[in-house]
Amino acid sequence: MSSRETLRHHAGLVDQMATKLGVDLETAAIEGQVSVDEISDAVLKCTNCPNPSHCESFLQKSASSQQTPEYCRNRELLQNLIP
């Protein structure tokens, strides 16, 4: 996977995880709860995850969640954004 494809893939995972938690990252950024740089950093942290397939499996489950999996490198950021 090229670096551009990798970034897109992980940006999607970060966005899907946020959505699973009931967080709209775009709205959070507009409201000043999170900066664009923090979102970019979250995507970069996600690219360093050794096993994104676990995350993909978690995200495929239909139920919403109140927390990320323990291994999520963006757990603290996303938990702080939950409404």
PDB file of N, CA and C in Angstrom:
ATOM      1  N   MET A   1       0.852  -1.170   0.000  1.00  0.00           N
ATOM      2  CA  MET A   1       0.000   0.000   0.000  1.00  0.00           C
ATOM      3  C   MET A   1       0.901   1.237   0.000  1.00  0.00           C
ATOM      4  N   SER A   2       0.624   2.169  -0.891  1.00  0.00           N
ATOM      5  CA  SER A   2       1.436   3.389  -0.931  1.00  0.00           C
ATOM      6  C   SER A   2       1.165   4.227   0.310  1.00  0.00           C
ATOM      7  N   SER A   3       2.052   5.160   0.576  1.00  0.00           N
ATOM      8  CA  SER A   3       1.882   5.996   1.765  1.00  0.00           C
ATOM      9  C   SER A   3       0.599   6.818   1.678  1.00  0.00           C
ATOM     10  N   ARG A   4       0.234   7.240   0.489  1.00  0.00           N
ATOM     11  CA  ARG A   4      -1.014   8.003   0.315  1.00  0.00           C
ATOM     12  C   ARG A   4      -2.219   7.116   0.611  1.00  0.00           C
ATOM     13  N   GLU A   5      -2.193   5.891   0.098  1.00  0.00           N
ATOM     14  CA  GLU A   5      -3.284   4.950   0.368  1.00  0.00           C
ATOM     15  C   GLU A   5      -3.341   4.606   1.847  1.00  0.00           C
ATOM     16  N   THR A   6      -2.183   4.446   2.468  1.00  0.00           N
ATOM     17  CA  THR A   6      -2.118   4.148   3.895  1.00  0.00           C
ATOM     18  C   THR A   6      -2.741   5.285   4.700  1.00  0.00           C
ATOM     19  N   LEU A   7      -2.388   6.525   4.364  1.00  0.00           N
ATOM     20  CA  LEU A   7      -2.961   7.669   5.072  1.00  0.00           C
ATOM     21  C   LEU A   7      -4.482   7.729   4.894  1.00  0.00           C
ATOM     22  N   ARG A   8      -4.949   7.495   3.701  1.00  0.00           N
ATOM     23  CA  ARG A   8      -6.397   7.505   3.458  1.00  0.00           C
ATOM     24  C   ARG A   8      -7.092   6.412   4.247  1.00  0.00           C
ATOM     25  N   HIS A   9      -6.496   5.231   4.249  1.00  0.00           N
ATOM     26  CA  HIS A   9      -7.077   4.101   4.966  1.00  0.00           C
ATOM     27  C   HIS A   9      -7.191   4.415   6.459  1.00  0.00           C
ATOM     28  N   HIS A  10      -6.118   4.934   7.028  1.00  0.00           N
ATOM     29  CA  HIS A  10      -6.115   5.211   8.464  1.00  0.00           C
ATOM     30  C   HIS A  10      -6.946   6.444   8.809  1.00  0.00           C
ATOM     31  N   ALA A  11      -7.028   7.395   7.908  1.00  0.00           N
ATOM     32  CA  ALA A  11      -7.932   8.524   8.130  1.00  0.00           C
ATOM     33  C   ALA A  11      -9.368   8.010   8.212  1.00  0.00           C
ATOM     34  N   GLY A  12      -9.694   7.057   7.357  1.00  0.00           N
ATOM     35  CA  GLY A  12     -11.017   6.443   7.405  1.00  0.00           C
ATOM     36  C   GLY A  12     -11.252   5.702   8.703  1.00  0.00           C
ATOM     37  N   LEU A  13     -10.236   4.987   9.180  1.00  0.00           N
ATOM     38  CA  LEU A  13     -10.384   4.257  10.451  1.00  0.00           C
ATOM     39  C   LEU A  13     -10.596   5.222  11.614  1.00  0.00           C
ATOM     40  N   VAL A  14      -9.849   6.315  11.648  1.00  0.00           N
ATOM     41  CA  VAL A  14     -10.013   7.302  12.719  1.00  0.00           C
ATOM     42  C   VAL A  14     -11.418   7.892  12.665  1.00  0.00           C
ATOM     43  N   ASP A  15     -11.871   8.247  11.480  1.00  0.00           N
ATOM     44  CA  ASP A  15     -13.207   8.824  11.334  1.00  0.00           C
ATOM     45  C   ASP A  15     -14.291   7.821  11.713  1.00  0.00           C
ATOM     46  N   GLN A  16     -14.137   6.582  11.282  1.00  0.00           N
ATOM     47  CA  GLN A  16     -15.125   5.550  11.630  1.00  0.00           C
ATOM     48  C   GLN A  16     -15.153   5.281  13.127  1.00  0.00           C
ATOM     49  N   MET A  17     -13.980   5.285  13.766  1.00  0.00           N
ATOM     50  CA  MET A  17     -13.936   5.064  15.207  1.00  0.00           C
ATOM     51  C   MET A  17     -14.633   6.205  15.928  1.00  0.00           C
ATOM     52  N   ALA A  18     -14.371   7.413  15.497  1.00  0.00           N
ATOM     53  CA  ALA A  18     -15.031   8.568  16.104  1.00  0.00           C
ATOM     54  C   ALA A  18     -16.551   8.446  15.942  1.00  0.00           C
ATOM     55  N   THR A  19     -16.991   8.112  14.750  1.00  0.00           N
ATOM     56  CA  THR A  19     -18.422   7.960  14.488  1.00  0.00           C
ATOM     57  C   THR A  19     -19.021   6.876  15.367  1.00  0.00           C
ATOM     58  N   LYS A  20     -18.313   5.772  15.528  1.00  0.00           N
ATOM     59  CA  LYS A  20     -18.772   4.665  16.382  1.00  0.00           C
ATOM     60  C   LYS A  20     -19.001   5.135  17.813  1.00  0.00           C
ATOM     61  N   LEU A  21     -18.205   6.122  18.236  1.00  0.00           N
ATOM     62  CA  LEU A  21     -18.314   6.672  19.586  1.00  0.00           C
ATOM     63  C   LEU A  21     -19.318   7.818  19.673  1.00  0.00           C
ATOM     64  N   GLY A  22     -19.913   8.170  18.540  1.00  0.00           N
ATOM     65  CA  GLY A  22     -20.872   9.272  18.519  1.00  0.00           C
ATOM     66  C   GLY A  22     -20.222  10.632  18.364  1.00  0.00           C
ATOM     67  N   VAL A  23     -18.996  10.647  17.860  1.00  0.00           N
ATOM     68  CA  VAL A  23     -18.246  11.890  17.694  1.00  0.00           C
ATOM     69  C   VAL A  23     -18.188  12.248  16.213  1.00  0.00           C
ATOM     70  N   ASP A  24     -18.553  13.478  15.900  1.00  0.00           N
ATOM     71  CA  ASP A  24     -18.413  14.001  14.544  1.00  0.00           C
ATOM     72  C   ASP A  24     -17.160  14.872  14.548  1.00  0.00           C
ATOM     73  N   LEU A  25     -16.087  14.368  13.964  1.00  0.00           N
ATOM     74  CA  LEU A  25     -14.809  15.094  14.005  1.00  0.00           C
ATOM     75  C   LEU A  25     -14.889  16.457  13.331  1.00  0.00           C
ATOM     76  N   GLU A  26     -15.649  16.560  12.265  1.00  0.00           N
ATOM     77  CA  GLU A  26     -15.768  17.849  11.578  1.00  0.00           C
ATOM     78  C   GLU A  26     -16.415  18.883  12.492  1.00  0.00           C
ATOM     79  N   THR A  27     -17.499  18.499  13.129  1.00  0.00           N
ATOM     80  CA  THR A  27     -18.181  19.404  14.056  1.00  0.00           C
ATOM     81  C   THR A  27     -17.281  19.737  15.244  1.00  0.00           C
ATOM     82  N   ALA A  28     -16.588  18.729  15.767  1.00  0.00           N
ATOM     83  CA  ALA A  28     -15.684  18.949  16.897  1.00  0.00           C
ATOM     84  C   ALA A  28     -14.594  19.954  16.520  1.00  0.00           C
ATOM     85  N   ALA A  29     -14.101  19.882  15.285  1.00  0.00           N
ATOM     86  CA  ALA A  29     -13.073  20.823  14.831  1.00  0.00           C
ATOM     87  C   ALA A  29     -13.651  22.224  14.672  1.00  0.00           C
ATOM     88  N   ILE A  30     -14.835  22.306  14.098  1.00  0.00           N
ATOM     89  CA  ILE A  30     -15.476  23.616  13.912  1.00  0.00           C
ATOM     90  C   ILE A  30     -15.755  24.277  15.258  1.00  0.00           C
ATOM     91  N   GLU A  31     -16.155  23.480  16.234  1.00  0.00           N
ATOM     92  CA  GLU A  31     -16.477  24.009  17.560  1.00  0.00           C
ATOM     93  C   GLU A  31     -15.240  24.223  18.433  1.00  0.00           C
ATOM     94  N   GLY A  32     -14.059  23.892  17.913  1.00  0.00           N
ATOM     95  CA  GLY A  32     -12.821  24.126  18.639  1.00  0.00           C
ATOM     96  C   GLY A  32     -12.486  23.082  19.690  1.00  0.00           C
ATOM     97  N   GLN A  33     -13.179  21.936  19.661  1.00  0.00           N
ATOM     98  CA  GLN A  33     -12.889  20.873  20.626  1.00  0.00           C
ATOM     99  C   GLN A  33     -11.622  20.111  20.258  1.00  0.00           C
ATOM    100  N   VAL A  34     -11.279  20.147  18.986  1.00  0.00           N
ATOM    101  CA  VAL A  34     -10.090  19.465  18.485  1.00  0.00           C
ATOM    102  C   VAL A  34      -9.570  20.272  17.295  1.00  0.00           C
ATOM    103  N   SER A  35      -8.263  20.337  17.161  1.00  0.00           N
ATOM    104  CA  SER A  35      -7.696  21.080  16.032  1.00  0.00           C
ATOM    105  C   SER A  35      -7.465  20.143  14.851  1.00  0.00           C
ATOM    106  N   VAL A  36      -7.328  20.736  13.690  1.00  0.00           N
ATOM    107  CA  VAL A  36      -7.024  19.959  12.490  1.00  0.00           C
ATOM    108  C   VAL A  36      -5.681  19.251  12.671  1.00  0.00           C
ATOM    109  N   ASP A  37      -4.742  19.914  13.323  1.00  0.00           N
ATOM    110  CA  ASP A  37      -3.437  19.289  13.590  1.00  0.00           C
ATOM    111  C   ASP A  37      -3.587  18.064  14.492  1.00  0.00           C
ATOM    112  N   GLU A  38      -4.454  18.140  15.484  1.00  0.00           N
ATOM    113  CA  GLU A  38      -4.677  16.985  16.362  1.00  0.00           C
ATOM    114  C   GLU A  38      -5.292  15.824  15.592  1.00  0.00           C
ATOM    115  N   ILE A  39      -6.186  16.119  14.664  1.00  0.00           N
ATOM    116  CA  ILE A  39      -6.780  15.067  13.836  1.00  0.00           C
ATOM    117  C   ILE A  39      -5.711  14.463  12.932  1.00  0.00           C
ATOM    118  N   SER A  40      -4.880  15.301  12.343  1.00  0.00           N
ATOM    119  CA  SER A  40      -3.779  14.806  11.502  1.00  0.00           C
ATOM    120  C   SER A  40      -2.834  13.926  12.309  1.00  0.00           C
ATOM    121  N   ASP A  41      -2.522  14.352  13.525  1.00  0.00           N
ATOM    122  CA  ASP A  41      -1.661  13.553  14.400  1.00  0.00           C
ATOM    123  C   ASP A  41      -2.317  12.216  14.743  1.00  0.00           C
ATOM    124  N   ALA A  42      -3.627  12.230  14.923  1.00  0.00           N
ATOM    125  CA  ALA A  42      -4.354  10.988  15.222  1.00  0.00           C
ATOM    126  C   ALA A  42      -4.234  10.004  14.062  1.00  0.00           C
ATOM    127  N   VAL A  43      -4.327  10.509  12.848  1.00  0.00           N
ATOM    128  CA  VAL A  43      -4.187   9.645  11.671  1.00  0.00           C
ATOM    129  C   VAL A  43      -2.771   9.069  11.628  1.00  0.00           C
ATOM    130  N   LEU A  44      -1.771   9.892  11.881  1.00  0.00           N
ATOM    131  CA  LEU A  44      -0.388   9.404  11.881  1.00  0.00           C
ATOM    132  C   LEU A  44      -0.163   8.366  12.972  1.00  0.00           C
ATOM    133  N   LYS A  45      -0.733   8.582  14.152  1.00  0.00           N
ATOM    134  CA  LYS A  45      -0.628   7.582  15.222  1.00  0.00           C
ATOM    135  C   LYS A  45      -1.260   6.273  14.781  1.00  0.00           C
ATOM    136  N   CYS A  46      -2.389   6.368  14.108  1.00  0.00           N
ATOM    137  CA  CYS A  46      -3.108   5.184  13.632  1.00  0.00           C
ATOM    138  C   CYS A  46      -2.258   4.403  12.630  1.00  0.00           C
ATOM    139  N   THR A  47      -1.501   5.109  11.803  1.00  0.00           N
ATOM    140  CA  THR A  47      -0.671   4.410  10.810  1.00  0.00           C
ATOM    141  C   THR A  47       0.420   3.581  11.479  1.00  0.00           C
ATOM    142  N   ASN A  48       0.758   3.904  12.716  1.00  0.00           N
ATOM    143  CA  ASN A  48       1.773   3.148  13.449  1.00  0.00           C
ATOM    144  C   ASN A  48       1.205   1.957  14.207  1.00  0.00           C
ATOM    145  N   CYS A  49      -0.077   1.742  14.112  1.00  0.00           N
ATOM    146  CA  CYS A  49      -0.706   0.606  14.784  1.00  0.00           C
ATOM    147  C   CYS A  49      -0.205  -0.692  14.142  1.00  0.00           C
ATOM    148  N   PRO A  50       0.224  -1.651  14.958  1.00  0.00           N
ATOM    149  CA  PRO A  50       0.762  -2.885  14.393  1.00  0.00           C
ATOM    150  C   PRO A  50      -0.296  -3.829  13.815  1.00  0.00           C
ATOM    151  N   ASN A  51      -1.567  -3.605  14.145  1.00  0.00           N
ATOM    152  CA  ASN A  51      -2.580  -4.535  13.666  1.00  0.00           C
ATOM    153  C   ASN A  51      -3.926  -3.847  13.448  1.00  0.00           C
ATOM    154  N   PRO A  52      -4.045  -3.060  12.380  1.00  0.00           N
ATOM    155  CA  PRO A  52      -5.306  -2.361  12.137  1.00  0.00           C
ATOM    156  C   PRO A  52      -6.476  -3.290  11.826  1.00  0.00           C
ATOM    157  N   SER A  53      -6.202  -4.546  11.530  1.00  0.00           N
ATOM    158  CA  SER A  53      -7.308  -5.466  11.247  1.00  0.00           C
ATOM    159  C   SER A  53      -8.189  -5.679  12.477  1.00  0.00           C
ATOM    160  N   HIS A  54      -7.609  -5.583  13.670  1.00  0.00           N
ATOM    161  CA  HIS A  54      -8.418  -5.665  14.893  1.00  0.00           C
ATOM    162  C   HIS A  54      -9.400  -4.505  14.938  1.00  0.00           C
ATOM    163  N   CYS A  55      -8.923  -3.334  14.603  1.00  0.00           N
ATOM    164  CA  CYS A  55      -9.761  -2.139  14.580  1.00  0.00           C
ATOM    165  C   CYS A  55     -10.877  -2.302  13.546  1.00  0.00           C
ATOM    166  N   GLU A  56     -10.528  -2.786  12.374  1.00  0.00           N
ATOM    167  CA  GLU A  56     -11.517  -2.988  11.322  1.00  0.00           C
ATOM    168  C   GLU A  56     -12.615  -3.942  11.781  1.00  0.00           C
ATOM    169  N   SER A  57     -12.237  -5.006  12.479  1.00  0.00           N
ATOM    170  CA  SER A  57     -13.221  -5.956  13.011  1.00  0.00           C
ATOM    171  C   SER A  57     -14.122  -5.288  14.033  1.00  0.00           C
ATOM    172  N   PHE A  58     -13.541  -4.502  14.922  1.00  0.00           N
ATOM    173  CA  PHE A  58     -14.305  -3.776  15.930  1.00  0.00           C
ATOM    174  C   PHE A  58     -15.306  -2.843  15.267  1.00  0.00           C
ATOM    175  N   LEU A  59     -14.870  -2.153  14.234  1.00  0.00           N
ATOM    176  CA  LEU A  59     -15.729  -1.180  13.558  1.00  0.00           C
ATOM    177  C   LEU A  59     -16.853  -1.840  12.771  1.00  0.00           C
ATOM    178  N   GLN A  60     -16.688  -3.073  12.360  1.00  0.00           N
ATOM    179  CA  GLN A  60     -17.718  -3.765  11.590  1.00  0.00           C
ATOM    180  C   GLN A  60     -18.904  -4.196  12.442  1.00  0.00           C
ATOM    181  N   LYS A  61     -18.710  -4.256  13.747  1.00  0.00           N
ATOM    182  CA  LYS A  61     -19.820  -4.597  14.631  1.00  0.00           C
ATOM    183  C   LYS A  61     -20.835  -3.462  14.574  1.00  0.00           C
ATOM    184  N   SER A  62     -22.114  -3.790  14.540  1.00  0.00           N
ATOM    185  CA  SER A  62     -23.146  -2.786  14.291  1.00  0.00           C
ATOM    186  C   SER A  62     -23.422  -1.857  15.467  1.00  0.00           C
ATOM    187  N   ALA A  63     -23.206  -2.291  16.669  1.00  0.00           N
ATOM    188  CA  ALA A  63     -23.538  -1.479  17.834  1.00  0.00           C
ATOM    189  C   ALA A  63     -22.571  -0.310  18.008  1.00  0.00           C
ATOM    190  N   SER A  64     -23.092   0.792  18.537  1.00  0.00           N
ATOM    191  CA  SER A  64     -22.207   1.900  18.872  1.00  0.00           C
ATOM    192  C   SER A  64     -21.439   1.512  20.136  1.00  0.00           C
ATOM    193  N   SER A  65     -20.492   2.329  20.494  1.00  0.00           N
ATOM    194  CA  SER A  65     -19.659   2.019  21.656  1.00  0.00           C
ATOM    195  C   SER A  65     -19.409   3.295  22.438  1.00  0.00           C
ATOM    196  N   GLN A  66     -19.093   3.147  23.704  1.00  0.00           N
ATOM    197  CA  GLN A  66     -18.750   4.287  24.543  1.00  0.00           C
ATOM    198  C   GLN A  66     -17.254   4.398  24.781  1.00  0.00           C
ATOM    199  N   GLN A  67     -16.492   3.452  24.222  1.00  0.00           N
ATOM    200  CA  GLN A  67     -15.042   3.533  24.358  1.00  0.00           C
ATOM    201  C   GLN A  67     -14.358   2.804  23.210  1.00  0.00           C
ATOM    202  N   THR A  68     -13.149   3.225  22.957  1.00  0.00           N
ATOM    203  CA  THR A  68     -12.342   2.566  21.936  1.00  0.00           C
ATOM    204  C   THR A  68     -11.779   1.276  22.519  1.00  0.00           C
ATOM    205  N   PRO A  69     -11.291   0.403  21.675  1.00  0.00           N
ATOM    206  CA  PRO A  69     -10.565  -0.759  22.202  1.00  0.00           C
ATOM    207  C   PRO A  69      -9.332  -0.268  22.977  1.00  0.00           C
ATOM    208  N   GLU A  70      -8.875  -1.053  23.922  1.00  0.00           N
ATOM    209  CA  GLU A  70      -7.742  -0.654  24.760  1.00  0.00           C
ATOM    210  C   GLU A  70      -6.478  -0.368  23.964  1.00  0.00           C
ATOM    211  N   TYR A  71      -6.310  -1.053  22.847  1.00  0.00           N
ATOM    212  CA  TYR A  71      -5.084  -0.902  22.065  1.00  0.00           C
ATOM    213  C   TYR A  71      -5.069   0.345  21.188  1.00  0.00           C
ATOM    214  N   CYS A  72      -6.171   1.060  21.106  1.00  0.00           N
ATOM    215  CA  CYS A  72      -6.276   2.217  20.200  1.00  0.00           C
ATOM    216  C   CYS A  72      -5.289   3.307  20.615  1.00  0.00           C
ATOM    217  N   ARG A  73      -4.486   3.723  19.677  1.00  0.00           N
ATOM    218  CA  ARG A  73      -3.478   4.756  19.938  1.00  0.00           C
ATOM    219  C   ARG A  73      -4.095   6.141  20.087  1.00  0.00           C
ATOM    220  N   ASN A  74      -5.369   6.265  19.736  1.00  0.00           N
ATOM    221  CA  ASN A  74      -6.071   7.545  19.850  1.00  0.00           C
ATOM    222  C   ASN A  74      -7.165   7.504  20.918  1.00  0.00           C
ATOM    223  N   ARG A  75      -7.058   6.537  21.794  1.00  0.00           N
ATOM    224  CA  ARG A  75      -8.077   6.334  22.828  1.00  0.00           C
ATOM    225  C   ARG A  75      -8.349   7.604  23.639  1.00  0.00           C
ATOM    226  N   GLU A  76      -7.312   8.223  24.165  1.00  0.00           N
ATOM    227  CA  GLU A  76      -7.492   9.402  25.022  1.00  0.00           C
ATOM    228  C   GLU A  76      -8.149  10.555  24.260  1.00  0.00           C
ATOM    229  N   LEU A  77      -7.661  10.845  23.068  1.00  0.00           N
ATOM    230  CA  LEU A  77      -8.225  11.928  22.266  1.00  0.00           C
ATOM    231  C   LEU A  77      -9.704  11.689  22.004  1.00  0.00           C
ATOM    232  N   LEU A  78     -10.039  10.490  21.526  1.00  0.00           N
ATOM    233  CA  LEU A  78     -11.424  10.204  21.166  1.00  0.00           C
ATOM    234  C   LEU A  78     -12.329  10.154  22.394  1.00  0.00           C
ATOM    235  N   GLN A  79     -11.843   9.595  23.494  1.00  0.00           N
ATOM    236  CA  GLN A  79     -12.652   9.540  24.717  1.00  0.00           C
ATOM    237  C   GLN A  79     -12.998  10.942  25.186  1.00  0.00           C
ATOM    238  N   ASN A  80     -12.075  11.874  25.032  1.00  0.00           N
ATOM    239  CA  ASN A  80     -12.316  13.252  25.462  1.00  0.00           C
ATOM    240  C   ASN A  80     -13.321  13.986  24.588  1.00  0.00           C
ATOM    241  N   LEU A  81     -13.606  13.449  23.419  1.00  0.00           N
ATOM    242  CA  LEU A  81     -14.548  14.105  22.503  1.00  0.00           C
ATOM    243  C   LEU A  81     -15.961  13.538  22.568  1.00  0.00           C
ATOM    244  N   ILE A  82     -16.142  12.450  23.303  1.00  0.00           N
ATOM    245  CA  ILE A  82     -17.474  11.838  23.388  1.00  0.00           C
ATOM    246  C   ILE A  82     -18.432  12.811  24.056  1.00  0.00           C
ATOM    247  N   PRO A  83     -19.567  13.052  23.398  1.00  0.00           N
ATOM    248  CA  PRO A  83     -20.533  14.018  23.975  1.00  0.00           C
ATOM    249  C   PRO A  83     -21.148  13.543  25.274  1.00  0.00           C
TER     250      PRO A  83
END
